[in-house]
Amino acid sequence: MTDIAVPAPLQAFVDALNAADTDAFVAAFTEDGFVDDWGRVLRGPEGVRSWAASDAIGAGAQMTVLEATTEGETTELRFAWVSRVFTGESTAVATARGDLLESFRILPNR
C-alpha cells in the first residue's frame, strides 16, 4: 500500500506486487506492456511474468511509493524497494494506457 496518490493502473501494480499476486501483477499491464529494468526489457505477459518471478514477487519484493508526479498518462515516481535481489530507492517512469500500465521503466540511479 502507498500513502501517495498515484493513478489507478500504477496502484494496481503496486498492490499486486505487495500482495505477491503474480496473476494480478501481470493483469495490471496491457497485452503489449513491458518492464524496463535498467535497460533489460521484458515484453508482453510472459516477459512481465518472468520479471515478477526473478526480480519482484519471486524475490519477496515490497514497494513503497515515496513521491509521484503525474502528467497525462505518465507518472514519474521515487520508490523504496526491499527484496532479496535489491534493497534501496529508485526512480521509475510508468505509462498508462486506459486502465492498464503500458510500461514500467526503472531508471538508473541519478
Protein backbone atom coordinates (compact mmCIF):
# COMPACT_ATOMS: atom_id res chain seq x y z
CA MET A 1 0.00 0.00 0.00
CA THR A 2 1.14 3.54 -0.63
CA ASP A 3 0.26 6.82 1.11
CA ILE A 4 1.00 8.81 -2.08
CA ALA A 5 -1.85 9.17 -4.58
CA VAL A 6 -0.99 7.53 -7.89
CA PRO A 7 -3.15 6.69 -10.94
CA ALA A 8 -5.24 3.53 -10.62
CA PRO A 9 -3.17 1.45 -13.09
CA LEU A 10 0.02 2.13 -11.12
CA GLN A 11 -1.75 1.49 -7.81
CA ALA A 12 -2.93 -1.89 -9.14
CA PHE A 13 0.71 -2.72 -10.00
CA VAL A 14 1.93 -1.75 -6.50
CA ASP A 15 -0.92 -3.56 -4.74
CA ALA A 16 -0.40 -6.77 -6.74
CA LEU A 17 3.34 -6.70 -6.12
CA ASN A 18 2.97 -6.13 -2.38
CA ALA A 19 0.31 -8.86 -2.16
CA ALA A 20 2.62 -11.28 -4.03
CA ASP A 21 -0.19 -11.84 -6.57
CA THR A 22 1.59 -12.65 -9.81
CA ASP A 23 -1.58 -13.04 -11.86
CA ALA A 24 -2.88 -9.62 -10.77
CA PHE A 25 0.57 -8.16 -11.39
CA VAL A 26 0.63 -9.41 -14.99
CA ALA A 27 -3.01 -8.36 -15.45
CA ALA A 28 -2.06 -4.78 -14.47
CA PHE A 29 -0.28 -4.44 -17.87
CA THR A 30 -1.58 -4.07 -21.40
CA GLU A 31 -1.09 -7.08 -23.67
CA ASP A 32 1.97 -5.39 -25.21
CA GLY A 33 3.15 -3.88 -21.92
CA PHE A 34 6.69 -4.14 -20.67
CA VAL A 35 9.07 -3.72 -17.75
CA ASP A 36 12.39 -1.99 -18.42
CA ASP A 37 14.74 -2.70 -15.52
CA TRP A 38 17.84 -0.54 -16.15
CA GLY A 39 17.76 -1.40 -19.87
CA ARG A 40 16.73 -5.04 -19.52
CA VAL A 41 13.36 -5.01 -21.27
CA LEU A 42 10.82 -7.78 -20.72
CA ARG A 43 7.77 -7.55 -23.01
CA GLY A 44 4.27 -8.94 -23.02
CA PRO A 45 2.61 -11.11 -20.39
CA GLU A 46 5.38 -13.71 -20.35
CA GLY A 47 8.11 -11.08 -20.06
CA VAL A 48 6.30 -9.30 -17.24
CA ARG A 49 5.66 -12.64 -15.50
CA SER A 50 9.35 -13.53 -15.89
CA TRP A 51 10.46 -10.26 -14.28
CA ALA A 52 7.92 -10.71 -11.49
CA ALA A 53 9.34 -14.19 -10.80
CA SER A 54 13.02 -13.25 -10.89
CA ASP A 55 13.22 -9.69 -9.58
CA ALA A 56 9.96 -8.81 -7.84
CA ILE A 57 7.39 -11.19 -6.36
CA GLY A 58 9.70 -14.22 -6.56
CA ALA A 59 12.33 -12.20 -4.67
CA GLY A 60 9.89 -11.25 -1.90
CA ALA A 61 9.74 -7.61 -3.01
CA GLN A 62 7.81 -4.91 -1.22
CA MET A 63 7.43 -1.48 -2.77
CA THR A 64 6.55 1.87 -1.19
CA VAL A 65 5.92 4.92 -3.35
CA LEU A 66 7.77 7.87 -1.81
CA GLU A 67 6.97 10.59 -4.38
CA ALA A 68 4.92 10.73 -7.56
CA THR A 69 4.22 13.30 -10.23
CA THR A 70 1.68 12.57 -12.94
CA GLU A 71 1.19 14.37 -16.24
CA GLY A 72 -1.39 12.85 -18.51
CA GLU A 73 -0.76 9.11 -18.71
CA THR A 74 2.83 9.29 -17.39
CA THR A 75 3.88 9.12 -13.75
CA GLU A 76 7.44 9.64 -12.54
CA LEU A 77 7.94 8.13 -9.13
CA ARG A 78 10.57 7.62 -6.49
CA PHE A 79 10.09 4.41 -4.56
CA ALA A 80 11.62 2.28 -1.85
CA TRP A 81 12.14 -1.40 -2.69
CA VAL A 82 13.04 -4.24 -0.37
CA SER A 83 13.77 -7.73 -1.76
CA ARG A 84 16.35 -10.48 -1.84
CA VAL A 85 17.64 -9.04 -5.15
CA PHE A 86 17.79 -5.31 -4.39
CA THR A 87 17.07 -3.06 -1.45
CA GLY A 88 17.12 0.71 -1.81
CA GLU A 89 15.44 3.62 -3.54
CA SER A 90 14.93 4.01 -7.26
CA THR A 91 13.21 6.23 -9.79
CA ALA A 92 10.80 4.92 -12.40
CA VAL A 93 8.51 6.17 -15.11
CA ALA A 94 5.18 4.39 -15.51
CA THR A 95 2.98 4.97 -18.52
CA ALA A 96 -0.69 4.01 -18.53
CA ARG A 97 -2.97 3.25 -21.44
CA GLY A 98 -6.54 3.42 -20.25
CA ASP A 99 -6.96 1.31 -17.12
CA LEU A 100 -3.69 -0.62 -17.53
CA LEU A 101 0.04 0.02 -17.44
CA GLU A 102 1.76 0.14 -20.79
CA SER A 103 5.23 0.34 -19.28
CA PHE A 104 7.18 0.47 -16.04
CA ARG A 105 10.72 1.73 -16.61
CA ILE A 106 13.20 1.70 -13.74
CA LEU A 107 15.80 4.36 -14.40
CA PRO A 108 19.48 4.07 -13.50
CA ASN A 109 20.15 5.86 -10.21
CA ARG A 110 20.74 9.54 -10.72
